[in-house]
N, C-alpha and C. Protein backbone atom coordinates (compact mmCIF):
# COMPACT_ATOMS: atom_id res chain seq x y z
N UNK A 1 0.85 -1.20 0.00
CA UNK A 1 0.00 0.00 0.00
C UNK A 1 0.88 1.25 0.00
N UNK A 2 0.43 2.26 -0.75
CA UNK A 2 1.17 3.52 -0.83
C UNK A 2 0.44 4.60 -0.03
N UNK A 3 1.19 5.27 0.85
CA UNK A 3 0.64 6.35 1.66
C UNK A 3 1.40 7.64 1.39
N UNK A 4 0.75 8.76 1.72
CA UNK A 4 1.37 10.08 1.54
C UNK A 4 1.10 10.94 2.77
N UNK A 5 2.09 11.76 3.12
CA UNK A 5 1.94 12.70 4.24
C UNK A 5 2.95 13.83 4.04
N UNK A 6 2.76 14.94 4.74
CA UNK A 6 3.71 16.05 4.66
C UNK A 6 3.75 16.80 5.99
N UNK A 7 4.84 17.53 6.20
CA UNK A 7 4.94 18.52 7.27
C UNK A 7 4.81 17.93 8.68
N UNK A 8 5.49 16.83 8.91
CA UNK A 8 5.48 16.28 10.26
C UNK A 8 6.20 17.19 11.26
N UNK A 9 7.28 17.82 10.84
CA UNK A 9 8.02 18.77 11.68
C UNK A 9 8.41 18.15 13.02
N UNK A 10 8.95 16.95 12.98
CA UNK A 10 9.40 16.31 14.21
C UNK A 10 10.40 17.21 14.94
N UNK A 11 10.31 17.25 16.25
CA UNK A 11 11.21 18.00 17.14
C UNK A 11 11.10 19.52 16.99
N UNK A 12 10.08 19.99 16.33
CA UNK A 12 9.94 21.43 16.07
C UNK A 12 8.95 22.04 17.07
N UNK A 13 9.47 22.65 18.11
CA UNK A 13 8.62 23.22 19.16
C UNK A 13 7.73 24.35 18.61
N UNK A 14 8.28 25.21 17.77
CA UNK A 14 7.54 26.38 17.32
C UNK A 14 6.34 26.04 16.44
N UNK A 15 6.37 24.89 15.78
CA UNK A 15 5.26 24.54 14.90
C UNK A 15 3.99 24.31 15.71
N UNK A 16 4.14 23.93 16.97
CA UNK A 16 2.97 23.71 17.83
C UNK A 16 2.19 25.01 18.00
N UNK A 17 2.90 26.09 18.23
CA UNK A 17 2.26 27.40 18.37
C UNK A 17 1.80 27.93 17.02
N UNK A 18 2.64 27.77 16.00
CA UNK A 18 2.34 28.32 14.68
C UNK A 18 1.07 27.73 14.10
N UNK A 19 0.87 26.42 14.28
CA UNK A 19 -0.30 25.75 13.70
C UNK A 19 -1.34 25.33 14.74
N UNK A 20 -1.17 25.82 15.97
CA UNK A 20 -2.10 25.46 17.05
C UNK A 20 -2.24 23.95 17.20
N UNK A 21 -1.13 23.24 17.08
CA UNK A 21 -1.20 21.80 17.27
C UNK A 21 -1.48 21.48 18.74
N UNK A 22 -2.32 20.49 19.01
CA UNK A 22 -2.78 20.24 20.39
C UNK A 22 -1.81 19.40 21.22
N UNK A 23 -0.59 19.89 21.35
CA UNK A 23 0.42 19.14 22.10
C UNK A 23 1.13 20.07 23.08
N UNK A 24 1.59 19.50 24.18
CA UNK A 24 2.31 20.28 25.19
C UNK A 24 3.72 20.61 24.74
N UNK A 25 4.33 19.70 24.00
CA UNK A 25 5.71 19.89 23.55
C UNK A 25 5.98 18.99 22.36
N UNK A 26 7.18 19.13 21.78
CA UNK A 26 7.50 18.37 20.57
C UNK A 26 7.63 16.87 20.85
N UNK A 27 8.04 16.50 22.05
CA UNK A 27 8.14 15.08 22.36
C UNK A 27 6.77 14.41 22.32
N UNK A 28 5.79 15.07 22.90
CA UNK A 28 4.42 14.54 22.87
C UNK A 28 3.92 14.50 21.42
N UNK A 29 4.22 15.55 20.66
CA UNK A 29 3.82 15.59 19.25
C UNK A 29 4.48 14.45 18.47
N UNK A 30 5.77 14.25 18.66
CA UNK A 30 6.48 13.16 17.98
C UNK A 30 5.80 11.82 18.23
N UNK A 31 5.53 11.53 19.49
CA UNK A 31 4.96 10.24 19.84
C UNK A 31 3.57 10.05 19.23
N UNK A 32 2.80 11.13 19.19
CA UNK A 32 1.46 11.02 18.61
C UNK A 32 1.53 10.75 17.11
N UNK A 33 2.40 11.48 16.41
CA UNK A 33 2.53 11.27 14.96
C UNK A 33 3.06 9.87 14.66
N UNK A 34 4.03 9.42 15.43
CA UNK A 34 4.57 8.07 15.24
C UNK A 34 3.47 7.02 15.43
N UNK A 35 2.64 7.21 16.47
CA UNK A 35 1.58 6.23 16.74
C UNK A 35 0.53 6.23 15.64
N UNK A 36 0.20 7.42 15.12
CA UNK A 36 -0.78 7.50 14.04
C UNK A 36 -0.22 6.89 12.76
N UNK A 37 1.04 7.17 12.49
CA UNK A 37 1.72 6.61 11.31
C UNK A 37 1.69 5.09 11.37
N UNK A 38 2.13 4.54 12.46
CA UNK A 38 2.25 3.08 12.59
C UNK A 38 0.90 2.39 12.76
N UNK A 39 -0.16 3.16 13.03
CA UNK A 39 -1.48 2.56 13.15
C UNK A 39 -2.05 2.16 11.79
N UNK A 40 -1.53 2.78 10.72
CA UNK A 40 -2.04 2.44 9.38
C UNK A 40 -0.96 1.85 8.48
N UNK A 41 0.29 2.26 8.65
CA UNK A 41 1.37 1.82 7.76
C UNK A 41 1.98 0.53 8.29
N UNK A 42 2.05 -0.48 7.43
CA UNK A 42 2.68 -1.76 7.78
C UNK A 42 4.12 -1.76 7.27
N UNK A 43 4.96 -2.65 7.80
CA UNK A 43 6.37 -2.68 7.38
C UNK A 43 6.55 -2.85 5.88
N UNK A 44 5.63 -3.51 5.22
CA UNK A 44 5.78 -3.75 3.77
C UNK A 44 5.22 -2.60 2.92
N UNK A 45 4.62 -1.61 3.54
CA UNK A 45 4.03 -0.48 2.81
C UNK A 45 5.09 0.56 2.45
N UNK A 46 4.69 1.54 1.63
CA UNK A 46 5.57 2.64 1.24
C UNK A 46 4.90 3.96 1.60
N UNK A 47 5.68 4.89 2.13
CA UNK A 47 5.16 6.22 2.46
C UNK A 47 6.01 7.26 1.72
N UNK A 48 5.33 8.13 0.97
CA UNK A 48 6.01 9.27 0.35
C UNK A 48 5.77 10.48 1.22
N UNK A 49 6.83 11.03 1.75
CA UNK A 49 6.77 12.22 2.61
C UNK A 49 7.04 13.43 1.72
N UNK A 50 6.11 14.38 1.72
CA UNK A 50 6.23 15.53 0.82
C UNK A 50 6.97 16.71 1.45
N UNK A 51 7.81 16.43 2.41
CA UNK A 51 8.72 17.47 2.87
C UNK A 51 8.43 18.06 4.24
N UNK A 52 9.47 18.70 4.79
CA UNK A 52 9.49 19.25 6.14
C UNK A 52 9.31 18.13 7.16
N UNK A 53 10.31 17.27 7.15
CA UNK A 53 10.28 16.08 8.01
C UNK A 53 10.45 16.47 9.47
N UNK A 54 11.53 17.19 9.79
CA UNK A 54 11.79 17.55 11.18
C UNK A 54 13.22 18.00 11.38
N UNK A 55 13.58 18.19 12.64
CA UNK A 55 14.88 18.73 13.01
C UNK A 55 15.58 17.79 13.98
N UNK A 56 16.91 17.85 13.97
CA UNK A 56 17.69 17.04 14.90
C UNK A 56 19.00 16.61 14.29
N UNK A 57 19.86 16.05 15.11
CA UNK A 57 21.13 15.54 14.62
C UNK A 57 20.89 14.30 13.78
N UNK A 58 21.92 13.86 13.10
CA UNK A 58 21.81 12.65 12.29
C UNK A 58 21.36 11.47 13.14
N UNK A 59 21.96 11.32 14.31
CA UNK A 59 21.60 10.19 15.17
C UNK A 59 20.17 10.31 15.68
N UNK A 60 19.76 11.53 16.05
CA UNK A 60 18.39 11.73 16.53
C UNK A 60 17.37 11.41 15.44
N UNK A 61 17.64 11.89 14.23
CA UNK A 61 16.71 11.64 13.14
C UNK A 61 16.71 10.19 12.70
N UNK A 62 17.87 9.56 12.73
CA UNK A 62 17.97 8.14 12.37
C UNK A 62 17.13 7.30 13.34
N UNK A 63 17.20 7.62 14.62
CA UNK A 63 16.43 6.90 15.63
C UNK A 63 14.94 7.13 15.43
N UNK A 64 14.56 8.37 15.16
CA UNK A 64 13.14 8.70 15.01
C UNK A 64 12.56 8.09 13.74
N UNK A 65 13.24 8.28 12.61
CA UNK A 65 12.74 7.73 11.35
C UNK A 65 12.69 6.21 11.41
N UNK A 66 13.61 5.63 12.16
CA UNK A 66 13.64 4.18 12.31
C UNK A 66 12.44 3.61 13.03
N UNK A 67 11.72 4.44 13.78
CA UNK A 67 10.52 3.97 14.48
C UNK A 67 9.30 3.94 13.58
N UNK A 68 9.40 4.54 12.39
CA UNK A 68 8.26 4.63 11.48
C UNK A 68 8.21 3.44 10.53
N UNK A 69 7.07 2.79 10.46
CA UNK A 69 6.91 1.63 9.58
C UNK A 69 7.01 2.02 8.11
N UNK A 70 7.39 1.04 7.30
CA UNK A 70 7.33 1.18 5.85
C UNK A 70 8.61 1.68 5.21
N UNK A 71 8.67 1.51 3.89
CA UNK A 71 9.73 2.11 3.08
C UNK A 71 9.40 3.59 2.95
N UNK A 72 10.38 4.44 3.16
CA UNK A 72 10.12 5.88 3.20
C UNK A 72 10.83 6.61 2.06
N UNK A 73 10.05 7.40 1.33
CA UNK A 73 10.54 8.19 0.20
C UNK A 73 10.28 9.67 0.52
N UNK A 74 11.23 10.53 0.18
CA UNK A 74 11.12 11.94 0.54
C UNK A 74 11.22 12.86 -0.67
N UNK A 75 10.31 13.84 -0.73
CA UNK A 75 10.49 15.02 -1.57
C UNK A 75 10.88 16.14 -0.61
N UNK A 76 12.06 16.69 -0.77
CA UNK A 76 12.54 17.64 0.22
C UNK A 76 11.72 18.93 0.22
N UNK A 77 11.38 19.39 1.43
CA UNK A 77 10.70 20.66 1.61
C UNK A 77 11.69 21.75 1.97
N UNK A 78 11.21 22.94 2.18
CA UNK A 78 12.10 24.08 2.46
C UNK A 78 12.88 23.91 3.76
N UNK A 79 12.32 23.17 4.73
CA UNK A 79 13.03 22.94 5.99
C UNK A 79 13.98 21.75 5.93
N UNK A 80 14.02 21.07 4.79
CA UNK A 80 14.86 19.87 4.67
C UNK A 80 16.16 20.13 3.93
N UNK A 81 16.38 21.35 3.52
CA UNK A 81 17.51 21.64 2.63
C UNK A 81 18.84 21.69 3.35
N UNK A 82 18.83 21.82 4.67
CA UNK A 82 20.08 21.84 5.41
C UNK A 82 20.78 20.48 5.39
N UNK A 83 19.99 19.45 5.15
CA UNK A 83 20.55 18.10 5.04
C UNK A 83 20.47 17.68 3.58
N UNK A 84 21.57 17.21 3.02
CA UNK A 84 21.61 16.84 1.60
C UNK A 84 20.87 15.54 1.33
N UNK A 85 20.82 15.19 0.06
CA UNK A 85 20.12 13.97 -0.34
C UNK A 85 20.72 12.75 0.35
N UNK A 86 22.03 12.64 0.36
CA UNK A 86 22.67 11.51 1.02
C UNK A 86 22.44 11.53 2.52
N UNK A 87 22.35 12.75 3.09
CA UNK A 87 22.07 12.87 4.51
C UNK A 87 20.71 12.32 4.88
N UNK A 88 19.70 12.57 4.04
CA UNK A 88 18.37 12.03 4.31
C UNK A 88 18.32 10.52 4.09
N UNK A 89 19.11 10.05 3.14
CA UNK A 89 19.19 8.60 2.97
C UNK A 89 19.85 7.95 4.18
N UNK A 90 20.81 8.64 4.75
CA UNK A 90 21.52 8.11 5.92
C UNK A 90 20.59 7.94 7.12
N UNK A 91 19.60 8.83 7.25
CA UNK A 91 18.71 8.73 8.42
C UNK A 91 17.51 7.83 8.18
N UNK A 92 17.36 7.30 6.94
CA UNK A 92 16.31 6.29 6.78
C UNK A 92 15.42 6.39 5.56
N UNK A 93 15.64 7.37 4.69
CA UNK A 93 14.83 7.46 3.47
C UNK A 93 15.55 6.72 2.34
N UNK A 94 14.83 5.82 1.69
CA UNK A 94 15.46 5.00 0.64
C UNK A 94 15.61 5.77 -0.67
N UNK A 95 14.72 6.73 -0.90
CA UNK A 95 14.80 7.58 -2.10
C UNK A 95 14.52 9.02 -1.68
N UNK A 96 15.22 9.96 -2.31
CA UNK A 96 15.05 11.38 -1.99
C UNK A 96 15.00 12.17 -3.29
N UNK A 97 13.98 13.02 -3.42
CA UNK A 97 13.78 13.81 -4.63
C UNK A 97 13.81 15.31 -4.30
N UNK A 98 14.21 16.11 -5.28
CA UNK A 98 14.32 17.55 -5.07
C UNK A 98 13.01 18.29 -5.28
N UNK A 99 12.23 17.87 -6.28
CA UNK A 99 11.08 18.68 -6.67
C UNK A 99 9.74 17.96 -6.66
N UNK A 100 9.65 16.85 -7.39
CA UNK A 100 8.34 16.23 -7.55
C UNK A 100 8.45 14.75 -7.89
N UNK A 101 7.33 14.07 -7.71
CA UNK A 101 7.15 12.69 -8.15
C UNK A 101 5.83 12.65 -8.92
N UNK A 102 5.83 12.03 -10.08
CA UNK A 102 4.61 11.93 -10.88
C UNK A 102 4.14 10.48 -10.91
N UNK A 103 2.85 10.29 -10.61
CA UNK A 103 2.22 8.97 -10.63
C UNK A 103 0.95 9.10 -11.46
N UNK A 104 0.99 8.65 -12.70
CA UNK A 104 -0.13 8.81 -13.64
C UNK A 104 -0.50 10.30 -13.73
N UNK A 105 -1.73 10.66 -13.37
CA UNK A 105 -2.14 12.07 -13.47
C UNK A 105 -1.88 12.86 -12.19
N UNK A 106 -1.21 12.23 -11.23
CA UNK A 106 -0.92 12.88 -9.95
C UNK A 106 0.49 13.46 -9.97
N UNK A 107 0.61 14.68 -9.44
CA UNK A 107 1.92 15.31 -9.30
C UNK A 107 2.11 15.63 -7.81
N UNK A 108 3.08 14.96 -7.21
CA UNK A 108 3.35 15.13 -5.78
C UNK A 108 4.48 16.14 -5.60
N UNK A 109 4.22 17.17 -4.81
CA UNK A 109 5.20 18.22 -4.59
C UNK A 109 5.14 18.68 -3.13
N UNK A 110 6.16 19.44 -2.73
CA UNK A 110 6.09 20.06 -1.40
C UNK A 110 5.20 21.29 -1.46
N UNK A 111 5.51 22.22 -2.36
CA UNK A 111 4.70 23.42 -2.54
C UNK A 111 3.55 23.14 -3.50
N UNK A 112 2.40 23.79 -3.35
CA UNK A 112 1.37 23.68 -4.40
C UNK A 112 1.87 24.30 -5.69
N UNK A 113 1.49 23.70 -6.81
CA UNK A 113 1.89 24.22 -8.12
C UNK A 113 0.66 24.27 -9.03
N UNK A 114 0.73 25.10 -10.05
CA UNK A 114 -0.36 25.19 -11.01
C UNK A 114 -0.25 24.05 -12.02
N UNK A 115 -1.40 23.43 -12.32
CA UNK A 115 -1.44 22.30 -13.25
C UNK A 115 -2.68 22.41 -14.13
N UNK A 116 -2.65 21.74 -15.31
CA UNK A 116 -3.87 21.64 -16.12
C UNK A 116 -4.98 20.96 -15.32
N UNK A 117 -6.20 21.23 -15.67
CA UNK A 117 -7.35 20.74 -14.90
C UNK A 117 -7.39 19.22 -14.80
N UNK A 118 -6.86 18.53 -15.82
CA UNK A 118 -6.94 17.06 -15.82
C UNK A 118 -5.91 16.41 -14.91
N UNK A 119 -5.00 17.19 -14.36
CA UNK A 119 -3.99 16.65 -13.46
C UNK A 119 -4.28 17.10 -12.03
N UNK A 120 -3.78 16.34 -11.06
CA UNK A 120 -4.04 16.61 -9.64
C UNK A 120 -2.73 16.85 -8.91
N UNK A 121 -2.67 17.92 -8.18
CA UNK A 121 -1.49 18.24 -7.38
C UNK A 121 -1.74 17.86 -5.93
N UNK A 122 -0.95 16.92 -5.42
CA UNK A 122 -0.96 16.57 -4.01
C UNK A 122 0.25 17.24 -3.38
N UNK A 123 0.03 18.02 -2.35
CA UNK A 123 1.09 18.89 -1.85
C UNK A 123 1.01 19.04 -0.33
N UNK A 124 2.01 19.75 0.22
CA UNK A 124 2.03 20.08 1.64
C UNK A 124 2.31 21.56 1.81
N UNK A 125 3.22 21.86 2.73
CA UNK A 125 3.79 23.19 2.96
C UNK A 125 2.85 24.19 3.65
N UNK A 126 1.59 24.27 3.23
CA UNK A 126 0.74 25.35 3.75
C UNK A 126 0.02 24.96 5.05
N UNK A 127 0.22 23.73 5.49
CA UNK A 127 -0.39 23.27 6.75
C UNK A 127 -1.91 23.48 6.70
N UNK A 128 -2.47 24.22 7.66
CA UNK A 128 -3.91 24.43 7.70
C UNK A 128 -4.31 25.79 7.15
N UNK A 129 -3.40 26.44 6.44
CA UNK A 129 -3.68 27.76 5.89
C UNK A 129 -4.45 27.62 4.56
N UNK A 130 -5.16 28.67 4.15
CA UNK A 130 -5.94 28.57 2.90
C UNK A 130 -5.05 28.48 1.67
N UNK A 131 -5.54 27.76 0.68
CA UNK A 131 -4.85 27.64 -0.60
C UNK A 131 -5.00 28.95 -1.36
N UNK A 132 -3.90 29.43 -1.92
CA UNK A 132 -3.92 30.68 -2.67
C UNK A 132 -4.95 30.60 -3.80
N UNK A 133 -5.65 31.70 -4.02
CA UNK A 133 -6.73 31.72 -5.00
C UNK A 133 -6.27 31.48 -6.43
N UNK A 134 -4.98 31.62 -6.69
CA UNK A 134 -4.50 31.39 -8.07
C UNK A 134 -4.55 29.91 -8.45
N UNK A 135 -4.67 29.03 -7.44
CA UNK A 135 -4.73 27.60 -7.72
C UNK A 135 -6.18 27.14 -7.82
N UNK A 136 -6.41 26.15 -8.67
CA UNK A 136 -7.73 25.54 -8.81
C UNK A 136 -7.94 24.56 -7.66
N UNK A 137 -8.82 24.88 -6.75
CA UNK A 137 -9.02 24.03 -5.57
C UNK A 137 -9.55 22.65 -5.93
N UNK A 138 -10.13 22.52 -7.13
CA UNK A 138 -10.73 21.24 -7.51
C UNK A 138 -9.70 20.20 -7.94
N UNK A 139 -8.47 20.62 -8.23
CA UNK A 139 -7.45 19.62 -8.57
C UNK A 139 -6.21 19.78 -7.68
N UNK A 140 -6.45 20.24 -6.45
CA UNK A 140 -5.38 20.33 -5.46
C UNK A 140 -5.83 19.67 -4.16
N UNK A 141 -4.90 18.94 -3.55
CA UNK A 141 -5.24 18.26 -2.29
C UNK A 141 -4.05 18.36 -1.35
N UNK A 142 -4.29 18.93 -0.18
CA UNK A 142 -3.22 19.13 0.81
C UNK A 142 -3.13 17.93 1.75
N UNK A 143 -1.90 17.43 1.94
CA UNK A 143 -1.67 16.33 2.86
C UNK A 143 -0.77 16.75 4.02
N UNK A 144 -0.72 18.04 4.31
CA UNK A 144 -0.05 18.46 5.54
C UNK A 144 -0.70 17.72 6.69
N UNK A 145 0.10 17.20 7.59
CA UNK A 145 -0.46 16.33 8.62
C UNK A 145 -1.48 17.06 9.49
N UNK A 146 -1.43 18.39 9.53
CA UNK A 146 -2.39 19.16 10.31
C UNK A 146 -3.83 18.96 9.84
N UNK A 147 -4.02 18.64 8.56
CA UNK A 147 -5.38 18.51 8.03
C UNK A 147 -5.77 17.07 7.72
N UNK A 148 -4.92 16.11 8.03
CA UNK A 148 -5.28 14.70 7.86
C UNK A 148 -5.07 13.93 9.17
N UNK A 149 -5.23 14.64 10.28
CA UNK A 149 -5.11 14.04 11.62
C UNK A 149 -3.78 13.33 11.82
N UNK A 150 -2.71 13.89 11.26
CA UNK A 150 -1.35 13.40 11.49
C UNK A 150 -1.16 11.95 11.05
N UNK A 151 -2.00 11.51 10.11
CA UNK A 151 -2.01 10.12 9.69
C UNK A 151 -1.75 10.01 8.19
N UNK A 152 -0.77 9.24 7.75
CA UNK A 152 -0.57 9.04 6.30
C UNK A 152 -1.85 8.57 5.63
N UNK A 153 -2.05 9.04 4.40
CA UNK A 153 -3.30 8.79 3.69
C UNK A 153 -2.99 8.14 2.34
N UNK A 154 -3.86 7.24 1.90
CA UNK A 154 -3.65 6.55 0.62
C UNK A 154 -4.15 7.40 -0.54
N UNK A 155 -3.65 7.10 -1.72
CA UNK A 155 -4.12 7.78 -2.93
C UNK A 155 -5.61 7.51 -3.15
N UNK A 156 -6.03 6.28 -2.85
CA UNK A 156 -7.45 5.93 -3.00
C UNK A 156 -8.32 6.81 -2.11
N UNK A 157 -7.88 7.04 -0.87
CA UNK A 157 -8.65 7.88 0.04
C UNK A 157 -8.66 9.33 -0.43
N UNK A 158 -7.52 9.79 -0.96
CA UNK A 158 -7.47 11.15 -1.51
C UNK A 158 -8.49 11.31 -2.63
N UNK A 159 -8.52 10.35 -3.54
CA UNK A 159 -9.47 10.42 -4.65
C UNK A 159 -10.91 10.35 -4.15
N UNK A 160 -11.17 9.52 -3.15
CA UNK A 160 -12.52 9.43 -2.58
C UNK A 160 -12.95 10.76 -1.98
N UNK A 161 -12.04 11.39 -1.26
CA UNK A 161 -12.38 12.67 -0.63
C UNK A 161 -12.57 13.76 -1.67
N UNK A 162 -11.76 13.74 -2.72
CA UNK A 162 -11.93 14.74 -3.78
C UNK A 162 -13.24 14.54 -4.51
N UNK A 163 -13.64 13.29 -4.71
CA UNK A 163 -14.92 13.01 -5.36
C UNK A 163 -16.10 13.48 -4.52
N UNK A 164 -15.89 13.53 -3.21
CA UNK A 164 -16.94 14.01 -2.30
C UNK A 164 -16.87 15.52 -2.08
N UNK A 165 -15.96 16.16 -2.80
CA UNK A 165 -15.86 17.61 -2.68
C UNK A 165 -14.92 18.09 -1.60
N UNK A 166 -14.05 17.19 -1.12
CA UNK A 166 -13.09 17.58 -0.09
C UNK A 166 -11.88 18.25 -0.74
N UNK A 167 -12.09 19.44 -1.30
CA UNK A 167 -10.96 20.22 -1.77
C UNK A 167 -10.17 20.67 -0.56
N UNK A 168 -9.02 21.30 -0.79
CA UNK A 168 -8.22 21.76 0.34
C UNK A 168 -9.00 22.71 1.22
N UNK A 169 -9.73 23.66 0.61
CA UNK A 169 -10.47 24.64 1.40
C UNK A 169 -11.60 23.99 2.18
N UNK A 170 -12.19 22.94 1.59
CA UNK A 170 -13.23 22.21 2.31
C UNK A 170 -12.67 21.50 3.52
N UNK A 171 -11.51 20.87 3.33
CA UNK A 171 -10.87 20.20 4.46
C UNK A 171 -10.49 21.21 5.52
N UNK A 172 -9.98 22.34 5.08
CA UNK A 172 -9.53 23.36 6.02
C UNK A 172 -10.70 23.84 6.88
N UNK A 173 -11.87 24.05 6.26
CA UNK A 173 -13.02 24.53 7.02
C UNK A 173 -13.42 23.53 8.10
N UNK A 174 -13.45 22.25 7.74
CA UNK A 174 -13.83 21.23 8.71
C UNK A 174 -12.83 21.14 9.84
N UNK A 175 -11.54 21.15 9.50
CA UNK A 175 -10.55 21.01 10.55
C UNK A 175 -10.39 22.29 11.37
N UNK A 176 -10.80 23.44 10.81
CA UNK A 176 -10.83 24.66 11.62
C UNK A 176 -11.86 24.52 12.72
N UNK A 177 -13.02 23.89 12.39
CA UNK A 177 -14.02 23.62 13.40
C UNK A 177 -13.44 22.70 14.46
N UNK A 178 -12.77 21.65 14.01
CA UNK A 178 -12.16 20.68 14.91
C UNK A 178 -11.15 21.35 15.83
N UNK A 179 -10.28 22.16 15.26
CA UNK A 179 -9.25 22.81 16.06
C UNK A 179 -9.85 23.84 17.00
N UNK A 180 -10.97 24.48 16.61
CA UNK A 180 -11.64 25.41 17.51
C UNK A 180 -12.11 24.68 18.76
N UNK A 181 -12.69 23.50 18.57
CA UNK A 181 -13.15 22.72 19.71
C UNK A 181 -11.97 22.33 20.60
N UNK A 182 -10.86 21.92 19.97
CA UNK A 182 -9.68 21.54 20.75
C UNK A 182 -9.14 22.73 21.53
N UNK A 183 -9.10 23.90 20.89
CA UNK A 183 -8.62 25.09 21.58
C UNK A 183 -9.55 25.47 22.72
N UNK A 184 -10.86 25.27 22.53
CA UNK A 184 -11.79 25.52 23.62
C UNK A 184 -11.52 24.56 24.77
N UNK A 185 -11.20 23.32 24.42
CA UNK A 185 -10.84 22.35 25.45
C UNK A 185 -9.59 22.81 26.20
N UNK A 186 -8.62 23.34 25.46
CA UNK A 186 -7.40 23.81 26.08
C UNK A 186 -7.67 24.91 27.10
N UNK A 187 -8.70 25.73 26.83
CA UNK A 187 -9.00 26.84 27.72
C UNK A 187 -9.66 26.39 29.01
N UNK A 188 -10.19 25.18 29.01
CA UNK A 188 -10.84 24.65 30.22
C UNK A 188 -9.81 23.97 31.09
N UNK A 189 -8.95 24.76 31.68
CA UNK A 189 -7.77 24.22 32.36
C UNK A 189 -8.14 23.33 33.54
N UNK A 190 -9.24 23.61 34.20
CA UNK A 190 -9.60 22.82 35.37
C UNK A 190 -10.27 21.51 35.01
N UNK A 191 -10.77 21.45 33.76
CA UNK A 191 -11.51 20.26 33.34
C UNK A 191 -10.72 19.40 32.37
N UNK A 192 -9.80 20.01 31.65
CA UNK A 192 -9.03 19.29 30.65
C UNK A 192 -7.56 19.37 31.04
N UNK A 193 -7.00 18.29 31.52
CA UNK A 193 -5.63 18.31 32.02
C UNK A 193 -4.68 17.46 31.21
N UNK A 194 -5.18 16.70 30.25
CA UNK A 194 -4.29 15.82 29.51
C UNK A 194 -4.72 15.66 28.07
N UNK A 195 -3.81 15.16 27.26
CA UNK A 195 -4.03 15.04 25.82
C UNK A 195 -5.05 13.96 25.49
N UNK A 196 -5.25 12.98 26.41
CA UNK A 196 -6.15 11.88 26.11
C UNK A 196 -7.57 12.38 25.88
N UNK A 197 -8.00 13.37 26.67
CA UNK A 197 -9.34 13.93 26.49
C UNK A 197 -9.44 14.58 25.11
N UNK A 198 -8.41 15.36 24.76
CA UNK A 198 -8.42 16.04 23.47
C UNK A 198 -8.39 15.03 22.33
N UNK A 199 -7.59 13.97 22.50
CA UNK A 199 -7.53 12.93 21.46
C UNK A 199 -8.91 12.28 21.28
N UNK A 200 -9.61 12.07 22.42
CA UNK A 200 -10.92 11.42 22.36
C UNK A 200 -11.88 12.23 21.49
N UNK A 201 -11.98 13.52 21.80
CA UNK A 201 -12.89 14.36 21.03
C UNK A 201 -12.38 14.55 19.61
N UNK A 202 -11.08 14.66 19.42
CA UNK A 202 -10.54 14.83 18.08
C UNK A 202 -10.87 13.63 17.22
N UNK A 203 -10.74 12.43 17.79
CA UNK A 203 -11.02 11.22 17.04
C UNK A 203 -12.48 11.18 16.60
N UNK A 204 -13.40 11.42 17.53
CA UNK A 204 -14.81 11.30 17.20
C UNK A 204 -15.29 12.41 16.27
N UNK A 205 -14.76 13.62 16.43
CA UNK A 205 -15.11 14.69 15.52
C UNK A 205 -14.54 14.45 14.13
N UNK A 206 -13.33 13.87 14.07
CA UNK A 206 -12.74 13.56 12.77
C UNK A 206 -13.57 12.52 12.04
N UNK A 207 -13.99 11.47 12.74
CA UNK A 207 -14.83 10.45 12.13
C UNK A 207 -16.12 11.07 11.61
N UNK A 208 -16.71 11.97 12.40
CA UNK A 208 -17.95 12.63 11.97
C UNK A 208 -17.72 13.49 10.74
N UNK A 209 -16.66 14.29 10.75
CA UNK A 209 -16.41 15.19 9.64
C UNK A 209 -16.09 14.42 8.37
N UNK A 210 -15.39 13.30 8.50
CA UNK A 210 -15.05 12.51 7.33
C UNK A 210 -16.28 11.85 6.72
N UNK A 211 -17.36 11.73 7.50
CA UNK A 211 -18.57 11.11 6.98
C UNK A 211 -19.44 12.08 6.22
N UNK A 212 -19.09 13.40 6.28
CA UNK A 212 -19.88 14.39 5.58
C UNK A 212 -19.57 14.32 4.08
N UNK A 213 -20.57 14.13 3.20
CA UNK A 213 -20.29 14.02 1.76
C UNK A 213 -19.86 15.34 1.16
């Protein structure tokens, strides 16, 4: 099975604040993403990471990437350029690309790009931010982990969601509702003291939102 994900930002403390991720620190975030990844990806599967993997020394990244199931392929994002192609292979990626991967009518990139209507751009980089109006939302799909519940997603699921009208902006609207609820939970300091409560509501709201045609 082939999965896709982007923008994990392992070990990146500031991304929690920047994207309102519901974690106390990067260690908690790392563990949650690893658990979500391994909940769907089997050792024999392949995952294409569309960039912005994370930060750390070679040994730290080697240990972290080694905990993730599957064969791992990388398209380097803007935060991945400090480590060269061989450097990313050293920490656990079997293939590393600079710009894009094409699979039939799909074009996988880190940044969104303009394409003819008959082609589909699967991308990351923008996290939960709106897609620029210059792009056709009907043939663009964002796989930043912020909008796919930190879980690698299959091409089949991407196509299913696009057929149901889950353009990037549609996904963003639903997950903005989800994140609003999580942030409200965060404000209830006396009632919400741990991530398990937030995970519980996040899981059930995600299932509900994914059922909306």
